[in-house]
């Protein structure tokens, strides 16, 4: 059950999101269930976003996984678009204005800003967590810190390193 989010500050939402994701991942062992639940939580807790989801690495292509939002691009080649670039370079990428990102793939024309976080399983690239917003310059350092921690928690859960407390 979600707390009354509308009365929380952005910082409180971020802290609460980390706690609820940590607890969820520590209790559930199914990877698909965890990815779907984390996507739903991020979509509920992070304001002013229009798409949250995972792309899973299959060979040299990212394939859409569990997400919240409008229908998405199904396949993204490594090195293409924001997601493919973040995966190929194995780094977090924040794009304040996607129209200025060379090679951006417009899966949803409403998206203006994007944040992509690589996800790992047993030390190997597993995929990415992708968050889009209809607002340019949407993601600040607090968002990056919070969502990078969510990515770390998901990576730990996929690698079965996260245990219930």
Protein backbone atom coordinates (compact mmCIF):
# COMPACT_ATOMS: atom_id res chain seq x y z
CA UNK A 1 0.00 0.00 0.00
CA UNK A 2 1.32 3.41 -0.96
CA UNK A 3 1.57 6.20 1.60
CA UNK A 4 -0.17 9.52 0.94
CA UNK A 5 2.32 10.70 -1.68
CA UNK A 6 0.69 14.02 -2.50
CA UNK A 7 1.73 15.42 0.87
CA UNK A 8 5.39 14.39 0.55
CA UNK A 9 8.23 16.56 -0.70
CA UNK A 10 10.36 15.29 -3.62
CA UNK A 11 13.09 14.36 -1.14
CA UNK A 12 10.67 12.44 1.10
CA UNK A 13 9.30 10.61 -1.94
CA UNK A 14 12.83 9.60 -2.95
CA UNK A 15 13.67 8.32 0.52
CA UNK A 16 10.38 6.42 0.74
CA UNK A 17 10.89 4.97 -2.75
CA UNK A 18 14.29 3.57 -1.80
CA UNK A 19 12.84 1.96 1.34
CA UNK A 20 9.84 0.39 -0.40
CA UNK A 21 11.97 -0.92 -3.28
CA UNK A 22 14.57 -2.34 -0.89
CA UNK A 23 11.85 -4.12 1.12
CA UNK A 24 10.10 -5.44 -2.00
CA UNK A 25 13.29 -6.78 -3.57
CA UNK A 26 14.39 -8.40 -0.33
CA UNK A 27 11.11 -10.33 -0.08
CA UNK A 28 10.51 -11.40 -3.70
CA UNK A 29 12.86 -13.69 -5.64
CA UNK A 30 11.29 -13.65 -9.11
CA UNK A 31 13.20 -11.29 -11.43
CA UNK A 32 10.24 -10.46 -13.68
CA UNK A 33 7.98 -9.70 -10.73
CA UNK A 34 10.67 -7.48 -9.24
CA UNK A 35 11.26 -5.52 -12.44
CA UNK A 36 7.52 -4.97 -12.94
CA UNK A 37 7.01 -3.89 -9.34
CA UNK A 38 9.99 -1.54 -9.32
CA UNK A 39 8.81 0.11 -12.55
CA UNK A 40 5.38 0.65 -10.98
CA UNK A 41 6.84 2.09 -7.77
CA UNK A 42 9.17 4.48 -9.59
CA UNK A 43 6.27 5.62 -11.79
CA UNK A 44 4.12 6.23 -8.69
CA UNK A 45 6.75 7.96 -6.57
CA UNK A 46 8.68 10.10 -9.06
CA UNK A 47 6.62 13.08 -10.20
CA UNK A 48 6.39 14.56 -13.66
CA UNK A 49 7.39 11.43 -15.58
CA UNK A 50 5.57 9.82 -18.49
CA UNK A 51 7.50 6.56 -18.88
CA UNK A 52 9.44 4.30 -16.51
CA UNK A 53 10.71 0.89 -17.44
CA UNK A 54 13.42 -1.61 -18.12
CA UNK A 55 15.13 -2.66 -21.30
CA UNK A 56 16.81 -6.06 -21.07
CA UNK A 57 19.98 -6.87 -23.02
CA UNK A 58 19.53 -9.69 -25.51
CA UNK A 59 22.72 -10.13 -27.54
CA UNK A 60 23.52 -6.69 -28.96
CA UNK A 61 19.99 -5.35 -28.56
CA UNK A 62 17.97 -3.94 -25.67
CA UNK A 63 14.47 -5.44 -25.61
CA UNK A 64 11.61 -3.77 -23.76
CA UNK A 65 10.80 -5.29 -20.38
CA UNK A 66 8.31 -4.32 -17.69
CA UNK A 67 7.27 -0.65 -17.86
CA UNK A 68 4.66 1.96 -17.02
CA UNK A 69 3.54 4.48 -19.62
CA UNK A 70 2.64 4.61 -23.30
CA UNK A 71 3.67 1.76 -25.62
CA UNK A 72 7.43 1.83 -26.12
CA UNK A 73 10.06 1.00 -28.69
CA UNK A 74 10.43 -2.77 -28.52
CA UNK A 75 14.09 -3.07 -29.60
CA UNK A 76 16.98 -0.62 -29.27
CA UNK A 77 20.41 -1.53 -30.67
CA UNK A 78 23.39 -1.07 -28.34
CA UNK A 79 24.96 2.32 -28.94
CA UNK A 80 21.76 3.84 -30.38
CA UNK A 81 19.61 6.42 -28.61
CA UNK A 82 19.99 7.31 -24.96
CA UNK A 83 19.28 3.77 -23.69
CA UNK A 84 21.59 2.07 -26.16
CA UNK A 85 24.37 4.58 -25.45
CA UNK A 86 24.05 4.23 -21.66
CA UNK A 87 24.18 0.43 -22.03
CA UNK A 88 27.14 0.44 -24.46
CA UNK A 89 29.11 2.89 -22.31
CA UNK A 90 27.91 1.33 -19.03
CA UNK A 91 27.21 4.72 -17.49
CA UNK A 92 24.32 6.79 -16.19
CA UNK A 93 23.15 9.32 -18.75
CA UNK A 94 20.98 12.36 -17.97
CA UNK A 95 19.60 14.20 -20.98
CA UNK A 96 17.99 17.57 -20.12
CA UNK A 97 16.50 17.96 -23.62
CA UNK A 98 16.24 14.80 -25.72
CA UNK A 99 15.90 16.68 -29.01
CA UNK A 100 19.52 17.80 -28.53
CA UNK A 101 20.84 14.26 -28.00
CA UNK A 102 22.42 13.06 -31.24
CA UNK A 103 20.67 9.91 -32.37
CA UNK A 104 17.80 10.14 -29.89
CA UNK A 105 15.08 7.57 -30.57
CA UNK A 106 11.66 9.14 -30.05
CA UNK A 107 9.54 6.28 -28.68
CA UNK A 108 7.10 8.80 -27.18
CA UNK A 109 6.96 12.23 -28.83
CA UNK A 110 5.88 13.74 -25.49
CA UNK A 111 9.20 12.90 -23.80
CA UNK A 112 11.55 15.85 -23.41
CA UNK A 113 14.05 14.72 -20.73
CA UNK A 114 15.49 11.29 -20.01
CA UNK A 115 17.51 9.50 -17.34
CA UNK A 116 19.01 6.06 -18.03
CA UNK A 117 20.76 3.84 -15.48
CA UNK A 118 22.62 0.62 -16.38
CA UNK A 119 21.52 -2.52 -14.51
CA UNK A 120 23.84 -5.45 -13.83
CA UNK A 121 23.42 -9.13 -12.98
CA UNK A 122 26.39 -10.98 -11.53
CA UNK A 123 28.68 -8.15 -12.65
CA UNK A 124 27.53 -8.27 -16.29
CA UNK A 125 25.33 -5.70 -18.03
CA UNK A 126 21.72 -6.91 -17.78
CA UNK A 127 19.89 -3.90 -19.19
CA UNK A 128 18.86 -0.37 -18.27
CA UNK A 129 16.30 1.47 -16.19
CA UNK A 130 14.84 4.25 -18.37
CA UNK A 131 12.86 7.20 -17.00
CA UNK A 132 11.31 9.81 -19.33
CA UNK A 133 9.66 13.12 -18.57
CA UNK A 134 7.52 15.48 -20.67
CA UNK A 135 9.38 18.39 -19.00
CA UNK A 136 12.79 19.54 -20.21
CA UNK A 137 15.47 19.67 -17.50
CA UNK A 138 13.30 17.45 -15.27
CA UNK A 139 16.03 15.40 -13.58
CA UNK A 140 18.28 16.96 -10.95
CA UNK A 141 21.12 15.54 -8.85
CA UNK A 142 18.67 14.31 -6.20
CA UNK A 143 16.78 12.32 -8.86
CA UNK A 144 20.01 10.89 -10.23
CA UNK A 145 21.16 9.84 -6.75
CA UNK A 146 17.80 8.28 -5.85
CA UNK A 147 17.33 6.45 -9.14
CA UNK A 148 20.94 5.29 -9.28
CA UNK A 149 20.36 3.73 -5.86
CA UNK A 150 17.23 2.05 -7.23
CA UNK A 151 19.38 0.68 -10.07
CA UNK A 152 21.92 -0.63 -7.56
CA UNK A 153 19.19 -2.32 -5.53
CA UNK A 154 17.76 -3.97 -8.65
CA UNK A 155 21.26 -5.12 -9.69
CA UNK A 156 21.83 -6.59 -6.23
CA UNK A 157 18.46 -8.37 -6.33
CA UNK A 158 19.14 -9.80 -9.79
CA UNK A 159 22.50 -11.04 -8.51
CA UNK A 160 20.78 -12.46 -5.41
CA UNK A 161 22.91 -10.25 -3.14
CA UNK A 162 19.96 -8.53 -1.49
CA UNK A 163 18.57 -10.27 1.56
CA UNK A 164 15.68 -9.49 3.87
CA UNK A 165 16.53 -7.53 7.01
